[in-house]
Amino acid sequence: MRRGAPLALLLSLISAAAAGAQDLVPGAFRPAPVSVNIATIAASFNIGDISFDPSLPVEEGRAKLGSVIAGFNRTLSIAGHYASVGVGAPIVFGHVQGLVDGQFAETSRVGAGDLQSRIAINLYGAPAMTPREFASYRPATVVGISATVGVPVGQYDPALFINLGANRWSIKPELGVSRTRGRWTLEGDLGATLFTDNTDFRGVTRSQAPIVSTQGHLIYSFRPALWIAADGNYWTGGLVTTNGVEGTDYQRNSRLGVTVAFPVKQQQIRIAYSAGAYTTIGGDFQSIGVSYSYAWVAGPRAPAPK
């Protein structure tokens, strides 16, 4: 059990980061017509080395982590502004291994992760539009805000070191700005993920400081809904305190990647790849993700997702 503790801490840190700080999501505030429903299936797989907290007796760490997420999103009008609400339910799987005090240790988990819900509203540059109005819309500058909430419904057993659910709430407010000129769009997002305490981490309380994160994207559109993006992010913070004892796992990490999106009528497929650019604590992963989205609306036919 003692040897499993550092691996459990690692997986916990990775899970927290994956839920918020490590996001590389181009087009997070791109508008669409109101009253559009979007169903999405997304899968991701991550593999790579691990940089552990220096205070932990763990070396040569390596992990394979993945998830499959079923999501639903609906666009709407809030006070005349374009807005969207969505929810995602993940199934998470992972395998972590390393040398603990010089001896090999490993563990695996699979099951339901914590629910993620998001509400976003564009404050400037993207009014609520019907499909007919949206067909003639030409974006310039868009400013939006969002809030993503992590709901602690994932698999959790307080007797175990490693769990797929975090047994705590999280909220990530975010501000996004994008500027489109011709075929090029430049985006920048700034956010912070805040956490409530896990009051039953093997009988003690575990808390985590906020993680501040930023991400940027340079997007080139070949034609509507067919585009490629260069992605990058950076996040810092997240110091963990367990039963009043402060850790040394302060994070300063970043990732670089690329995303390609292409339409098939009212459907869209995205393929993304990213890798760690700089890692202090956590996973130095290579990641690949694929998502499939289908959009529909009652009444006039909805255009393909942007």
C-alpha atoms as a PDB file:
ATOM      1  CA  MET A   1       0.000   0.000   0.000  1.00  0.00           C
ATOM      2  CA  ARG A   2       2.871   2.374   0.800  1.00  0.00           C
ATOM      3  CA  ARG A   3       4.405   1.814  -2.624  1.00  0.00           C
ATOM      4  CA  GLY A   4       1.078   2.473  -4.306  1.00  0.00           C
ATOM      5  CA  ALA A   5       0.660   5.898  -2.684  1.00  0.00           C
ATOM      6  CA  PRO A   6       2.974   7.882  -5.031  1.00  0.00           C
ATOM      7  CA  LEU A   7       1.311   6.277  -8.046  1.00  0.00           C
ATOM      8  CA  ALA A   8      -2.088   7.222  -6.659  1.00  0.00           C
ATOM      9  CA  LEU A   9      -0.984  10.800  -6.119  1.00  0.00           C
ATOM     10  CA  LEU A  10       0.334  10.953  -9.670  1.00  0.00           C
ATOM     11  CA  LEU A  11      -2.867   9.645 -11.233  1.00  0.00           C
ATOM     12  CA  SER A  12      -4.851  12.095  -9.129  1.00  0.00           C
ATOM     13  CA  LEU A  13      -2.729  15.000 -10.384  1.00  0.00           C
ATOM     14  CA  ILE A  14      -3.018  13.848 -13.985  1.00  0.00           C
ATOM     15  CA  SER A  15      -6.803  13.469 -13.719  1.00  0.00           C
ATOM     16  CA  ALA A  16      -7.193  16.948 -12.254  1.00  0.00           C
ATOM     17  CA  ALA A  17      -5.066  18.479 -14.977  1.00  0.00           C
ATOM     18  CA  ALA A  18      -6.820  16.618 -17.763  1.00  0.00           C
ATOM     19  CA  ALA A  19     -10.167  17.963 -16.586  1.00  0.00           C
ATOM     20  CA  GLY A  20      -9.148  21.575 -16.917  1.00  0.00           C
ATOM     21  CA  ALA A  21      -5.621  22.841 -17.169  1.00  0.00           C
ATOM     22  CA  GLN A  22      -4.373  20.732 -20.062  1.00  0.00           C
ATOM     23  CA  ASP A  23      -7.204  21.774 -22.393  1.00  0.00           C
ATOM     24  CA  LEU A  24      -6.247  22.409 -26.009  1.00  0.00           C
ATOM     25  CA  VAL A  25      -9.625  23.260 -27.545  1.00  0.00           C
ATOM     26  CA  PRO A  26      -9.621  25.535 -30.609  1.00  0.00           C
ATOM     27  CA  GLY A  27     -12.897  27.239 -31.432  1.00  0.00           C
ATOM     28  CA  ALA A  28     -14.275  27.056 -27.881  1.00  0.00           C
ATOM     29  CA  PHE A  29     -16.181  30.321 -28.381  1.00  0.00           C
ATOM     30  CA  ARG A  30     -17.013  30.027 -32.092  1.00  0.00           C
ATOM     31  CA  PRO A  31     -20.690  30.906 -32.640  1.00  0.00           C
ATOM     32  CA  ALA A  32     -23.377  28.778 -34.277  1.00  0.00           C
ATOM     33  CA  PRO A  33     -27.119  29.227 -34.921  1.00  0.00           C
ATOM     34  CA  VAL A  34     -29.418  29.034 -31.912  1.00  0.00           C
ATOM     35  CA  SER A  35     -31.562  25.948 -31.181  1.00  0.00           C
ATOM     36  CA  VAL A  36     -28.948  23.580 -32.590  1.00  0.00           C
ATOM     37  CA  ASN A  37     -28.350  20.269 -30.787  1.00  0.00           C
ATOM     38  CA  ILE A  38     -24.905  18.665 -31.052  1.00  0.00           C
ATOM     39  CA  ALA A  39     -24.164  15.101 -29.946  1.00  0.00           C
ATOM     40  CA  THR A  40     -20.487  14.178 -29.656  1.00  0.00           C
ATOM     41  CA  ILE A  41     -18.439  11.053 -29.044  1.00  0.00           C
ATOM     42  CA  ALA A  42     -14.783  11.733 -28.265  1.00  0.00           C
ATOM     43  CA  ALA A  43     -11.895   9.412 -27.446  1.00  0.00           C
ATOM     44  CA  SER A  44      -8.357  10.224 -26.343  1.00  0.00           C
ATOM     45  CA  PHE A  45      -5.246   8.212 -25.547  1.00  0.00           C
ATOM     46  CA  ASN A  46      -2.131   9.415 -23.714  1.00  0.00           C
ATOM     47  CA  ILE A  47       1.197   7.672 -23.228  1.00  0.00           C
ATOM     48  CA  GLY A  48       4.477   8.924 -21.851  1.00  0.00           C
ATOM     49  CA  ASP A  49       6.929   9.408 -19.017  1.00  0.00           C
ATOM     50  CA  ILE A  50       6.143  10.968 -15.663  1.00  0.00           C
ATOM     51  CA  SER A  51       7.893  13.670 -13.675  1.00  0.00           C
ATOM     52  CA  PHE A  52       7.107  12.978 -10.027  1.00  0.00           C
ATOM     53  CA  ASP A  53       7.177  15.298  -7.045  1.00  0.00           C
ATOM     54  CA  PRO A  54      10.887  15.318  -6.003  1.00  0.00           C
ATOM     55  CA  SER A  55       9.901  14.456  -2.431  1.00  0.00           C
ATOM     56  CA  LEU A  56       8.471  11.106  -3.557  1.00  0.00           C
ATOM     57  CA  PRO A  57      10.738   8.014  -3.847  1.00  0.00           C
ATOM     58  CA  VAL A  58       9.543   7.211  -7.367  1.00  0.00           C
ATOM     59  CA  GLU A  59      11.648   6.910 -10.504  1.00  0.00           C
ATOM     60  CA  GLU A  60      11.204   5.837 -14.128  1.00  0.00           C
ATOM     61  CA  GLY A  61       7.479   6.524 -14.057  1.00  0.00           C
ATOM     62  CA  ARG A  62       5.363   5.783 -17.114  1.00  0.00           C
ATOM     63  CA  ALA A  63       1.620   5.847 -17.772  1.00  0.00           C
ATOM     64  CA  LYS A  64      -1.041   4.993 -20.332  1.00  0.00           C
ATOM     65  CA  LEU A  65      -4.254   6.948 -19.812  1.00  0.00           C
ATOM     66  CA  GLY A  66      -7.363   7.270 -21.941  1.00  0.00           C
ATOM     67  CA  SER A  67     -11.022   8.196 -21.973  1.00  0.00           C
ATOM     68  CA  VAL A  68     -14.198   7.923 -24.031  1.00  0.00           C
ATOM     69  CA  ILE A  69     -16.681  10.768 -23.553  1.00  0.00           C
ATOM     70  CA  ALA A  70     -20.307  11.025 -24.630  1.00  0.00           C
ATOM     71  CA  GLY A  71     -21.430  14.647 -24.785  1.00  0.00           C
ATOM     72  CA  PHE A  72     -24.447  16.760 -25.641  1.00  0.00           C
ATOM     73  CA  ASN A  73     -24.532  20.495 -26.357  1.00  0.00           C
ATOM     74  CA  ARG A  74     -27.327  22.926 -27.206  1.00  0.00           C
ATOM     75  CA  THR A  75     -27.049  26.470 -28.514  1.00  0.00           C
ATOM     76  CA  LEU A  76     -29.429  29.181 -27.331  1.00  0.00           C
ATOM     77  CA  SER A  77     -29.971  32.907 -26.885  1.00  0.00           C
ATOM     78  CA  ILE A  78     -29.306  34.694 -23.576  1.00  0.00           C
ATOM     79  CA  ALA A  79     -30.357  38.367 -23.647  1.00  0.00           C
ATOM     80  CA  GLY A  80     -29.753  38.384 -27.401  1.00  0.00           C
ATOM     81  CA  HIS A  81     -26.249  36.897 -27.131  1.00  0.00           C
ATOM     82  CA  TYR A  82     -25.164  33.563 -28.551  1.00  0.00           C
ATOM     83  CA  ALA A  83     -24.735  30.969 -25.779  1.00  0.00           C
ATOM     84  CA  SER A  84     -24.354  27.233 -25.341  1.00  0.00           C
ATOM     85  CA  VAL A  85     -24.790  24.657 -22.586  1.00  0.00           C
ATOM     86  CA  GLY A  86     -23.327  21.183 -22.595  1.00  0.00           C
ATOM     87  CA  VAL A  87     -22.490  18.111 -20.558  1.00  0.00           C
ATOM     88  CA  GLY A  88     -19.974  15.289 -20.964  1.00  0.00           C
ATOM     89  CA  ALA A  89     -19.910  11.862 -19.284  1.00  0.00           C
ATOM     90  CA  PRO A  90     -16.527  10.058 -19.438  1.00  0.00           C
ATOM     91  CA  ILE A  91     -15.372   6.496 -19.106  1.00  0.00           C
ATOM     92  CA  VAL A  92     -11.739   6.587 -17.986  1.00  0.00           C
ATOM     93  CA  PHE A  93      -9.033   3.933 -18.079  1.00  0.00           C
ATOM     94  CA  GLY A  94      -5.404   4.049 -17.044  1.00  0.00           C
ATOM     95  CA  HIS A  95      -2.261   2.101 -16.184  1.00  0.00           C
ATOM     96  CA  VAL A  96       0.585   3.634 -14.155  1.00  0.00           C
ATOM     97  CA  GLN A  97       3.923   2.044 -13.314  1.00  0.00           C
ATOM     98  CA  GLY A  98       7.288   3.000 -11.862  1.00  0.00           C
ATOM     99  CA  LEU A  99      10.089   2.141  -9.439  1.00  0.00           C
ATOM    100  CA  VAL A 100       9.098   2.871  -5.848  1.00  0.00           C
ATOM    101  CA  ASP A 101      12.055   2.659  -3.457  1.00  0.00           C
ATOM    102  CA  GLY A 102      13.836   0.809  -6.243  1.00  0.00           C
ATOM    103  CA  GLN A 103      11.124  -1.826  -6.687  1.00  0.00           C
ATOM    104  CA  PHE A 104       8.669  -2.121  -9.564  1.00  0.00           C
ATOM    105  CA  ALA A 105       5.030  -1.199  -8.853  1.00  0.00           C
ATOM    106  CA  GLU A 106       2.017  -0.772 -11.130  1.00  0.00           C
ATOM    107  CA  THR A 107      -1.741  -0.364 -11.006  1.00  0.00           C
ATOM    108  CA  SER A 108      -4.716  -0.068 -13.399  1.00  0.00           C
ATOM    109  CA  ARG A 109      -8.227   1.367 -13.238  1.00  0.00           C
ATOM    110  CA  VAL A 110     -11.276   1.547 -15.541  1.00  0.00           C
ATOM    111  CA  GLY A 111     -14.726   3.002 -14.903  1.00  0.00           C
ATOM    112  CA  ALA A 112     -16.846   6.161 -14.835  1.00  0.00           C
ATOM    113  CA  GLY A 113     -15.131   9.513 -14.361  1.00  0.00           C
ATOM    114  CA  ASP A 114     -16.571  12.761 -13.049  1.00  0.00           C
ATOM    115  CA  LEU A 115     -19.244  14.539 -15.085  1.00  0.00           C
ATOM    116  CA  GLN A 116     -18.234  17.784 -16.824  1.00  0.00           C
ATOM    117  CA  SER A 117     -20.772  20.540 -17.606  1.00  0.00           C
ATOM    118  CA  ARG A 118     -20.163  23.872 -19.365  1.00  0.00           C
ATOM    119  CA  ILE A 119     -22.087  27.054 -20.052  1.00  0.00           C
ATOM    120  CA  ALA A 120     -20.680  29.742 -22.356  1.00  0.00           C
ATOM    121  CA  ILE A 121     -21.918  33.096 -23.618  1.00  0.00           C
ATOM    122  CA  ASN A 122     -20.361  35.395 -26.200  1.00  0.00           C
ATOM    123  CA  LEU A 123     -20.508  38.969 -24.948  1.00  0.00           C
ATOM    124  CA  TYR A 124     -19.266  40.752 -28.058  1.00  0.00           C
ATOM    125  CA  GLY A 125     -19.219  40.057 -31.769  1.00  0.00           C
ATOM    126  CA  ALA A 126     -21.580  37.064 -31.872  1.00  0.00           C
ATOM    127  CA  PRO A 127     -25.287  37.781 -31.410  1.00  0.00           C
ATOM    128  CA  ALA A 128     -27.871  35.038 -31.268  1.00  0.00           C
ATOM    129  CA  MET A 129     -28.745  34.136 -34.878  1.00  0.00           C
ATOM    130  CA  THR A 130     -31.186  31.942 -36.748  1.00  0.00           C
ATOM    131  CA  PRO A 131     -29.738  29.477 -39.290  1.00  0.00           C
ATOM    132  CA  ARG A 132     -30.675  31.900 -42.104  1.00  0.00           C
ATOM    133  CA  GLU A 133     -28.946  34.831 -40.362  1.00  0.00           C
ATOM    134  CA  PHE A 134     -25.922  32.708 -39.525  1.00  0.00           C
ATOM    135  CA  ALA A 135     -25.412  31.791 -43.192  1.00  0.00           C
ATOM    136  CA  SER A 136     -24.410  35.414 -43.908  1.00  0.00           C
ATOM    137  CA  TYR A 137     -22.455  35.979 -40.668  1.00  0.00           C
ATOM    138  CA  ARG A 138     -18.788  36.897 -41.061  1.00  0.00           C
ATOM    139  CA  PRO A 139     -16.816  36.787 -37.781  1.00  0.00           C
ATOM    140  CA  ALA A 140     -14.341  39.513 -36.839  1.00  0.00           C
ATOM    141  CA  THR A 141     -13.664  39.953 -33.113  1.00  0.00           C
ATOM    142  CA  VAL A 142     -15.448  37.717 -30.578  1.00  0.00           C
ATOM    143  CA  VAL A 143     -15.242  37.955 -26.770  1.00  0.00           C
ATOM    144  CA  GLY A 144     -16.823  35.252 -24.611  1.00  0.00           C
ATOM    145  CA  ILE A 145     -16.881  33.840 -21.102  1.00  0.00           C
ATOM    146  CA  SER A 146     -17.595  30.335 -19.855  1.00  0.00           C
ATOM    147  CA  ALA A 147     -17.748  28.223 -16.712  1.00  0.00           C
ATOM    148  CA  THR A 148     -16.970  24.500 -16.639  1.00  0.00           C
ATOM    149  CA  VAL A 149     -18.060  22.522 -13.570  1.00  0.00           C
ATOM    150  CA  GLY A 150     -16.712  19.118 -12.542  1.00  0.00           C
ATOM    151  CA  VAL A 151     -19.429  17.109 -10.780  1.00  0.00           C
ATOM    152  CA  PRO A 152     -18.088  14.386  -8.406  1.00  0.00           C
ATOM    153  CA  VAL A 153     -20.097  11.387  -9.616  1.00  0.00           C
ATOM    154  CA  GLY A 154     -17.162   9.265 -10.810  1.00  0.00           C
ATOM    155  CA  GLN A 155     -16.005   5.959  -9.377  1.00  0.00           C
ATOM    156  CA  TYR A 156     -14.559   6.584  -5.899  1.00  0.00           C
ATOM    157  CA  ASP A 157     -13.694   4.355  -2.949  1.00  0.00           C
ATOM    158  CA  PRO A 158     -12.121   6.167   0.053  1.00  0.00           C
ATOM    159  CA  ALA A 159     -10.286   2.965   0.998  1.00  0.00           C
ATOM    160  CA  LEU A 160      -8.274   3.076  -2.239  1.00  0.00           C
ATOM    161  CA  PHE A 161      -5.345   5.279  -3.179  1.00  0.00           C
ATOM    162  CA  ILE A 162      -6.297   5.332  -6.868  1.00  0.00           C
ATOM    163  CA  ASN A 163      -9.734   6.451  -8.017  1.00  0.00           C
ATOM    164  CA  LEU A 164     -11.257   7.643 -11.273  1.00  0.00           C
ATOM    165  CA  GLY A 165     -13.482  10.189  -9.531  1.00  0.00           C
ATOM    166  CA  ALA A 166     -11.991  13.078  -7.550  1.00  0.00           C
ATOM    167  CA  ASN A 167     -14.637  13.173  -4.767  1.00  0.00           C
ATOM    168  CA  ARG A 168     -14.692  16.977  -4.994  1.00  0.00           C
ATOM    169  CA  TRP A 169     -16.240  19.727  -7.081  1.00  0.00           C
ATOM    170  CA  SER A 170     -14.292  21.932  -9.454  1.00  0.00           C
ATOM    171  CA  ILE A 171     -15.152  25.059 -11.409  1.00  0.00           C
ATOM    172  CA  LYS A 172     -13.196  26.697 -14.202  1.00  0.00           C
ATOM    173  CA  PRO A 173     -14.228  30.224 -15.253  1.00  0.00           C
ATOM    174  CA  GLU A 174     -12.625  31.267 -18.528  1.00  0.00           C
ATOM    175  CA  LEU A 175     -12.359  34.321 -20.776  1.00  0.00           C
ATOM    176  CA  GLY A 176     -11.826  33.865 -24.503  1.00  0.00           C
ATOM    177  CA  VAL A 177     -10.992  36.329 -27.287  1.00  0.00           C
ATOM    178  CA  SER A 178     -10.678  35.597 -31.012  1.00  0.00           C
ATOM    179  CA  ARG A 179      -9.895  37.752 -34.017  1.00  0.00           C
ATOM    180  CA  THR A 180     -10.606  36.634 -37.596  1.00  0.00           C
ATOM    181  CA  ARG A 181      -9.063  38.227 -40.647  1.00  0.00           C
ATOM    182  CA  GLY A 182      -9.572  36.507 -43.963  1.00  0.00           C
ATOM    183  CA  ARG A 183      -8.861  32.804 -43.585  1.00  0.00           C
ATOM    184  CA  TRP A 184      -6.879  33.266 -40.350  1.00  0.00           C
ATOM    185  CA  THR A 185      -8.207  33.289 -36.785  1.00  0.00           C
ATOM    186  CA  LEU A 186      -6.124  33.990 -33.677  1.00  0.00           C
ATOM    187  CA  GLU A 187      -7.585  32.846 -30.350  1.00  0.00           C
ATOM    188  CA  GLY A 188      -6.530  33.252 -26.733  1.00  0.00           C
ATOM    189  CA  ASP A 189      -8.187  31.897 -23.560  1.00  0.00           C
ATOM    190  CA  LEU A 190      -7.369  32.604 -19.895  1.00  0.00           C
ATOM    191  CA  GLY A 191      -8.884  30.633 -17.027  1.00  0.00           C
ATOM    192  CA  ALA A 192      -8.446  29.265 -13.529  1.00  0.00           C
ATOM    193  CA  THR A 193      -9.601  25.931 -12.099  1.00  0.00           C
ATOM    194  CA  LEU A 194     -10.719  26.026  -8.461  1.00  0.00           C
ATOM    195  CA  PHE A 195     -11.350  22.951  -6.308  1.00  0.00           C
ATOM    196  CA  THR A 196     -13.316  22.098  -3.195  1.00  0.00           C
ATOM    197  CA  ASP A 197     -11.655  19.813  -0.638  1.00  0.00           C
ATOM    198  CA  ASN A 198     -11.735  16.036  -0.823  1.00  0.00           C
ATOM    199  CA  THR A 199     -12.748  15.398   2.787  1.00  0.00           C
ATOM    200  CA  ASP A 200     -12.288  11.617   2.602  1.00  0.00           C
ATOM    201  CA  PHE A 201      -8.880  10.931   1.066  1.00  0.00           C
ATOM    202  CA  ARG A 202      -8.131   7.728   3.002  1.00  0.00           C
ATOM    203  CA  GLY A 203      -9.668   9.256   6.115  1.00  0.00           C
ATOM    204  CA  VAL A 204      -8.006  12.680   5.858  1.00  0.00           C
ATOM    205  CA  THR A 205      -8.675  15.928   3.989  1.00  0.00           C
ATOM    206  CA  ARG A 206      -6.874  16.707   0.747  1.00  0.00           C
ATOM    207  CA  SER A 207      -7.035  20.164  -0.811  1.00  0.00           C
ATOM    208  CA  GLN A 208      -5.537  21.684  -3.944  1.00  0.00           C
ATOM    209  CA  ALA A 209      -4.676  25.275  -4.792  1.00  0.00           C
ATOM    210  CA  PRO A 210      -6.128  26.795  -7.979  1.00  0.00           C
ATOM    211  CA  ILE A 211      -4.511  26.077 -11.342  1.00  0.00           C
ATOM    212  CA  VAL A 212      -4.181  29.104 -13.627  1.00  0.00           C
ATOM    213  CA  SER A 213      -4.068  28.252 -17.320  1.00  0.00           C
ATOM    214  CA  THR A 214      -3.920  29.879 -20.713  1.00  0.00           C
ATOM    215  CA  GLN A 215      -4.197  28.480 -24.221  1.00  0.00           C
ATOM    216  CA  GLY A 216      -3.741  29.945 -27.686  1.00  0.00           C
ATOM    217  CA  HIS A 217      -4.635  28.828 -31.218  1.00  0.00           C
ATOM    218  CA  LEU A 218      -3.797  29.947 -34.732  1.00  0.00           C
ATOM    219  CA  ILE A 219      -6.444  28.620 -37.118  1.00  0.00           C
ATOM    220  CA  TYR A 220      -6.435  28.535 -40.905  1.00  0.00           C
ATOM    221  CA  SER A 221      -9.791  27.864 -42.626  1.00  0.00           C
ATOM    222  CA  PHE A 222      -9.682  26.274 -46.080  1.00  0.00           C
ATOM    223  CA  ARG A 223     -13.447  26.611 -46.362  1.00  0.00           C
ATOM    224  CA  PRO A 224     -16.369  26.632 -43.903  1.00  0.00           C
ATOM    225  CA  ALA A 225     -15.897  23.920 -41.239  1.00  0.00           C
ATOM    226  CA  LEU A 226     -12.650  22.664 -42.830  1.00  0.00           C
ATOM    227  CA  TRP A 227      -9.687  24.032 -40.871  1.00  0.00           C
ATOM    228  CA  ILE A 228      -6.377  23.288 -39.185  1.00  0.00           C
ATOM    229  CA  ALA A 229      -5.086  24.800 -35.940  1.00  0.00           C
ATOM    230  CA  ALA A 230      -1.731  25.114 -34.207  1.00  0.00           C
ATOM    231  CA  ASP A 231      -2.339  24.845 -30.445  1.00  0.00           C
ATOM    232  CA  GLY A 232      -0.380  25.678 -27.304  1.00  0.00           C
ATOM    233  CA  ASN A 233      -1.031  26.110 -23.594  1.00  0.00           C
ATOM    234  CA  TYR A 234       0.602  26.748 -20.218  1.00  0.00           C
ATOM    235  CA  TRP A 235      -0.632  26.116 -16.700  1.00  0.00           C
ATOM    236  CA  THR A 236       0.767  26.704 -13.235  1.00  0.00           C
ATOM    237  CA  GLY A 237      -0.221  26.173  -9.596  1.00  0.00           C
ATOM    238  CA  GLY A 238      -2.157  23.246  -8.131  1.00  0.00           C
ATOM    239  CA  LEU A 239      -0.126  22.779  -4.925  1.00  0.00           C
ATOM    240  CA  VAL A 240      -1.633  19.890  -2.910  1.00  0.00           C
ATOM    241  CA  THR A 241      -2.084  19.895   0.873  1.00  0.00           C
ATOM    242  CA  THR A 242      -2.880  16.599   2.616  1.00  0.00           C
ATOM    243  CA  ASN A 243      -4.110  16.635   6.222  1.00  0.00           C
ATOM    244  CA  GLY A 244      -2.565  20.066   6.712  1.00  0.00           C
ATOM    245  CA  VAL A 245       0.852  19.103   5.254  1.00  0.00           C
ATOM    246  CA  GLU A 246       1.768  21.134   2.177  1.00  0.00           C
ATOM    247  CA  GLY A 247       3.361  19.256  -0.706  1.00  0.00           C
ATOM    248  CA  THR A 248       6.029  20.373  -3.159  1.00  0.00           C
ATOM    249  CA  ASP A 249       4.115  19.508  -6.346  1.00  0.00           C
ATOM    250  CA  TYR A 250       3.788  23.027  -7.770  1.00  0.00           C
ATOM    251  CA  GLN A 251       3.067  22.669 -11.482  1.00  0.00           C
ATOM    252  CA  ARG A 252       4.565  24.660 -14.377  1.00  0.00           C
ATOM    253  CA  ASN A 253       3.679  22.747 -17.526  1.00  0.00           C
ATOM    254  CA  SER A 254       2.884  23.384 -21.176  1.00  0.00           C
ATOM    255  CA  ARG A 255       1.849  21.479 -24.296  1.00  0.00           C
ATOM    256  CA  LEU A 256       1.961  22.046 -28.053  1.00  0.00           C
ATOM    257  CA  GLY A 257      -0.290  20.407 -30.624  1.00  0.00           C
ATOM    258  CA  VAL A 258      -2.240  20.498 -33.850  1.00  0.00           C
ATOM    259  CA  THR A 259      -5.961  19.987 -34.576  1.00  0.00           C
ATOM    260  CA  VAL A 260      -7.654  19.218 -37.907  1.00  0.00           C
ATOM    261  CA  ALA A 261     -11.427  19.472 -38.454  1.00  0.00           C
ATOM    262  CA  PHE A 262     -13.432  18.502 -41.512  1.00  0.00           C
ATOM    263  CA  PRO A 263     -17.186  18.365 -42.197  1.00  0.00           C
ATOM    264  CA  VAL A 264     -19.453  15.654 -43.577  1.00  0.00           C
ATOM    265  CA  LYS A 265     -22.824  17.365 -44.145  1.00  0.00           C
ATOM    266  CA  GLN A 266     -24.213  18.018 -40.616  1.00  0.00           C
ATOM    267  CA  GLN A 267     -21.350  16.100 -39.040  1.00  0.00           C
ATOM    268  CA  GLN A 268     -17.834  17.062 -38.062  1.00  0.00           C
ATOM    269  CA  ILE A 269     -14.744  14.987 -37.300  1.00  0.00           C
ATOM    270  CA  ARG A 270     -11.776  16.362 -35.388  1.00  0.00           C
ATOM    271  CA  ILE A 271      -8.362  14.773 -34.993  1.00  0.00           C
ATOM    272  CA  ALA A 272      -5.874  16.255 -32.530  1.00  0.00           C
ATOM    273  CA  TYR A 273      -2.296  15.504 -31.526  1.00  0.00           C
ATOM    274  CA  SER A 274      -0.270  17.130 -28.755  1.00  0.00           C
ATOM    275  CA  ALA A 275       2.916  16.566 -26.787  1.00  0.00           C
ATOM    276  CA  GLY A 276       4.481  17.997 -23.667  1.00  0.00           C
ATOM    277  CA  ALA A 277       6.669  21.033 -24.342  1.00  0.00           C
ATOM    278  CA  TYR A 278       7.741  21.609 -20.724  1.00  0.00           C
ATOM    279  CA  THR A 279       6.886  19.528 -17.646  1.00  0.00           C
ATOM    280  CA  THR A 280       7.812  19.958 -13.978  1.00  0.00           C
ATOM    281  CA  ILE A 281       5.242  17.738 -12.231  1.00  0.00           C
ATOM    282  CA  GLY A 282       2.847  15.337 -13.977  1.00  0.00           C
ATOM    283  CA  GLY A 283       2.777  13.529 -17.286  1.00  0.00           C
ATOM    284  CA  ASP A 284       5.058  14.319 -20.220  1.00  0.00           C
ATOM    285  CA  PHE A 285       2.604  12.707 -22.620  1.00  0.00           C
ATOM    286  CA  GLN A 286       2.078  12.247 -26.298  1.00  0.00           C
ATOM    287  CA  SER A 287      -1.680  12.458 -26.845  1.00  0.00           C
ATOM    288  CA  ILE A 288      -4.033  11.750 -29.703  1.00  0.00           C
ATOM    289  CA  GLY A 289      -7.749  12.409 -29.755  1.00  0.00           C
ATOM    290  CA  VAL A 290     -10.613  11.855 -32.188  1.00  0.00           C
ATOM    291  CA  SER A 291     -14.148  13.219 -31.945  1.00  0.00           C
ATOM    292  CA  TYR A 292     -17.314  12.828 -34.000  1.00  0.00           C
ATOM    293  CA  SER A 293     -20.152  15.366 -33.761  1.00  0.00           C
ATOM    294  CA  TYR A 294     -23.627  15.367 -35.274  1.00  0.00           C
ATOM    295  CA  ALA A 295     -25.791  18.523 -35.328  1.00  0.00           C
ATOM    296  CA  TRP A 296     -29.514  18.877 -35.861  1.00  0.00           C
ATOM    297  CA  VAL A 297     -32.314  21.368 -35.237  1.00  0.00           C
ATOM    298  CA  ALA A 298     -36.113  21.207 -35.328  1.00  0.00           C
ATOM    299  CA  GLY A 299     -37.386  23.200 -38.294  1.00  0.00           C
ATOM    300  CA  PRO A 300     -34.888  24.604 -40.843  1.00  0.00           C
ATOM    301  CA  ARG A 301     -31.930  22.407 -41.568  1.00  0.00           C
ATOM    302  CA  ALA A 302     -28.865  23.230 -39.451  1.00  0.00           C
ATOM    303  CA  PRO A 303     -25.582  24.058 -41.153  1.00  0.00           C
ATOM    304  CA  ALA A 304     -22.485  22.005 -40.477  1.00  0.00           C
ATOM    305  CA  PRO A 305     -20.671  22.780 -37.191  1.00  0.00           C
ATOM    306  CA  LYS A 306     -18.104  25.565 -37.449  1.00  0.00           C
END
